[in-house]
Amino acid sequence: MVEINNSEVVRHFLDTLIDISSRKTTKGHAVFTMADLIKKLENKYDFLKYIELKDTRYTEWGEPVSVMADMDRVKSKELGHALYDIIKTMNSQLGKDAGHFFVKEVKENLQETYNENFEDMGLDLSLVQLEEEIRELSKAIQK
């Protein structure tokens, strides 16, 4: 297997979250929400400062997510915790706009290519999906 750098994993992870989110809301809202949550999580995960997000809807070039190579020096387990918090917070902040299968779509889009990277990071997207399903079921039971 070809080793994939943390910076590439993070970039694809965030791109996927934004792409899936933008199908359920607007691209601008998805990028803004992601940028806001990354900024908030920087207090907990200092290395998130290596991520730059920009709204590229009105430009002809550029990617919405860029990740500095400094991210490659971050320990895998720390990065896994940050990615876990990012997906949980993004899903929560988008609320009903995220949709019932948000985490499942993320998992299906990333699992095959990055599964070993996620395992090294201690990030189990199947477990994240199960947690979301239990949370939704719990909400339904309480009603």
Protein backbone atom coordinates (compact mmCIF):
# COMPACT_ATOMS: atom_id res chain seq x y z
CA MET A 1 0.00 0.00 0.00
CA VAL A 2 1.19 3.50 -0.78
CA GLU A 3 1.57 5.62 2.35
CA ILE A 4 -0.67 8.67 2.37
CA ASN A 5 0.36 11.81 4.25
CA ASN A 6 -1.79 13.27 7.01
CA SER A 7 -2.18 16.46 5.00
CA GLU A 8 -3.70 14.56 2.07
CA VAL A 9 -6.02 12.54 4.32
CA VAL A 10 -7.24 15.71 6.06
CA ARG A 11 -7.73 17.56 2.77
CA HIS A 12 -9.81 14.73 1.28
CA PHE A 13 -11.71 14.29 4.54
CA LEU A 14 -12.69 17.97 4.66
CA ASP A 15 -13.40 18.13 0.91
CA THR A 16 -15.75 15.16 1.31
CA LEU A 17 -17.52 16.71 4.30
CA ILE A 18 -17.99 19.97 2.38
CA ASP A 19 -19.16 18.19 -0.80
CA ILE A 20 -21.73 16.09 1.04
CA SER A 21 -22.87 19.05 3.13
CA SER A 22 -23.22 21.28 0.08
CA ARG A 23 -25.66 18.79 -1.48
CA LYS A 24 -27.91 19.24 1.51
CA THR A 25 -27.43 23.00 1.94
CA THR A 26 -25.43 25.52 -0.12
CA LYS A 27 -21.72 25.30 -0.90
CA GLY A 28 -21.15 28.66 0.78
CA HIS A 29 -22.95 27.57 3.93
CA ALA A 30 -21.00 24.29 4.04
CA VAL A 31 -17.63 26.07 3.68
CA PHE A 32 -18.60 28.76 6.21
CA THR A 33 -19.78 26.15 8.72
CA MET A 34 -16.60 24.11 8.29
CA ALA A 35 -14.35 27.17 8.61
CA ASP A 36 -16.20 28.27 11.74
CA LEU A 37 -15.94 24.89 13.42
CA ILE A 38 -12.25 24.50 12.51
CA LYS A 39 -11.60 27.91 14.08
CA LYS A 40 -13.44 26.86 17.26
CA LEU A 41 -11.63 23.52 17.47
CA GLU A 42 -8.21 25.22 17.12
CA ASN A 43 -8.42 25.91 20.87
CA LYS A 44 -8.43 22.15 21.47
CA TYR A 45 -6.28 21.07 18.51
CA ASP A 46 -3.58 23.65 17.81
CA PHE A 47 -2.51 21.88 14.60
CA LEU A 48 -5.81 22.78 12.92
CA LYS A 49 -4.17 26.13 12.20
CA TYR A 50 -2.50 24.31 9.29
CA ILE A 51 -5.87 24.20 7.50
CA GLU A 52 -7.11 27.03 5.31
CA LEU A 53 -10.66 27.13 4.00
CA LYS A 54 -11.96 29.56 1.42
CA ASP A 55 -15.17 29.99 -0.49
CA THR A 56 -14.28 29.34 -4.14
CA ARG A 57 -17.77 29.63 -5.62
CA TYR A 58 -16.99 32.93 -7.33
CA THR A 59 -13.49 32.15 -8.57
CA GLU A 60 -12.43 30.09 -11.54
CA TRP A 61 -9.55 28.43 -9.77
CA GLY A 62 -8.50 27.17 -6.40
CA GLU A 63 -9.62 24.52 -4.02
CA PRO A 64 -11.75 25.30 -0.97
CA VAL A 65 -9.46 23.28 1.33
CA SER A 66 -5.72 23.56 1.62
CA VAL A 67 -3.66 21.80 4.26
CA MET A 68 -0.05 22.71 4.98
CA ALA A 69 2.60 20.00 4.99
CA ASP A 70 3.13 20.76 8.70
CA MET A 71 0.08 18.56 9.30
CA ASP A 72 2.25 15.55 8.39
CA ARG A 73 4.14 15.97 11.68
CA VAL A 74 0.99 15.58 13.80
CA LYS A 75 0.63 12.26 15.64
CA SER A 76 -1.98 10.01 14.05
CA LYS A 77 -3.99 9.49 17.24
CA GLU A 78 -4.26 13.25 17.88
CA LEU A 79 -5.37 13.79 14.31
CA GLY A 80 -7.94 11.00 14.65
CA HIS A 81 -9.46 12.72 17.68
CA ALA A 82 -9.66 15.99 15.77
CA LEU A 83 -11.31 14.38 12.73
CA TYR A 84 -13.80 12.65 15.01
CA ASP A 85 -14.70 16.00 16.60
CA ILE A 86 -14.92 17.65 13.18
CA ILE A 87 -17.38 15.13 11.73
CA LYS A 88 -19.51 15.06 14.90
CA THR A 89 -19.58 18.86 15.16
CA MET A 90 -20.26 19.37 11.45
CA ASN A 91 -23.16 16.94 11.58
CA SER A 92 -24.50 18.64 14.68
CA GLN A 93 -24.11 22.19 13.35
CA LEU A 94 -25.84 21.38 10.08
CA GLY A 95 -28.66 19.73 12.04
CA LYS A 96 -31.48 18.47 9.86
CA ASP A 97 -29.72 19.93 6.80
CA ALA A 98 -27.03 17.26 7.16
CA GLY A 99 -29.53 14.50 6.71
CA HIS A 100 -29.94 11.13 8.33
CA PHE A 101 -27.20 9.44 6.30
CA PHE A 102 -24.52 12.16 6.50
CA VAL A 103 -21.95 10.03 8.35
CA LYS A 104 -22.78 6.99 6.21
CA GLU A 105 -22.11 8.99 3.03
CA VAL A 106 -18.81 10.26 4.43
CA LYS A 107 -17.82 6.71 5.34
CA GLU A 108 -18.72 5.33 1.92
CA ASN A 109 -16.79 8.08 0.15
CA LEU A 110 -13.61 7.71 2.20
CA GLN A 111 -13.48 4.21 3.66
CA GLU A 112 -11.95 2.33 0.76
CA THR A 113 -9.06 4.71 0.10
CA TYR A 114 -8.27 5.85 3.63
CA ASN A 115 -9.39 2.94 5.83
CA GLU A 116 -5.86 2.02 6.95
CA ASN A 117 -5.08 5.66 7.70
CA PHE A 118 -8.24 5.95 9.79
CA GLU A 119 -7.38 2.74 11.65
CA ASP A 120 -3.93 4.15 12.48
CA MET A 121 -5.64 7.29 13.75
CA GLY A 122 -8.14 5.34 15.84
CA LEU A 123 -11.02 6.79 13.79
CA ASP A 124 -13.74 4.25 13.16
CA LEU A 125 -16.33 5.78 10.83
CA SER A 126 -18.62 2.78 11.34
CA LEU A 127 -18.64 3.54 15.06
CA VAL A 128 -19.33 7.23 14.38
CA GLN A 129 -22.24 6.18 12.15
CA LEU A 130 -23.58 3.86 14.84
CA GLU A 131 -23.34 6.62 17.46
CA GLU A 132 -25.36 8.93 15.21
CA GLU A 133 -28.00 6.27 14.60
CA ILE A 134 -28.33 5.64 18.35
CA ARG A 135 -28.59 9.37 19.01
CA GLU A 136 -31.35 9.70 16.40
CA LEU A 137 -33.17 6.66 17.80
CA SER A 138 -32.91 8.06 21.31
CA LYS A 139 -34.43 11.36 20.13
CA ALA A 140 -37.28 9.51 18.44
CA ILE A 141 -38.00 7.45 21.56
CA GLN A 142 -38.06 10.56 23.75
CA LYS A 143 -40.72 12.13 21.54
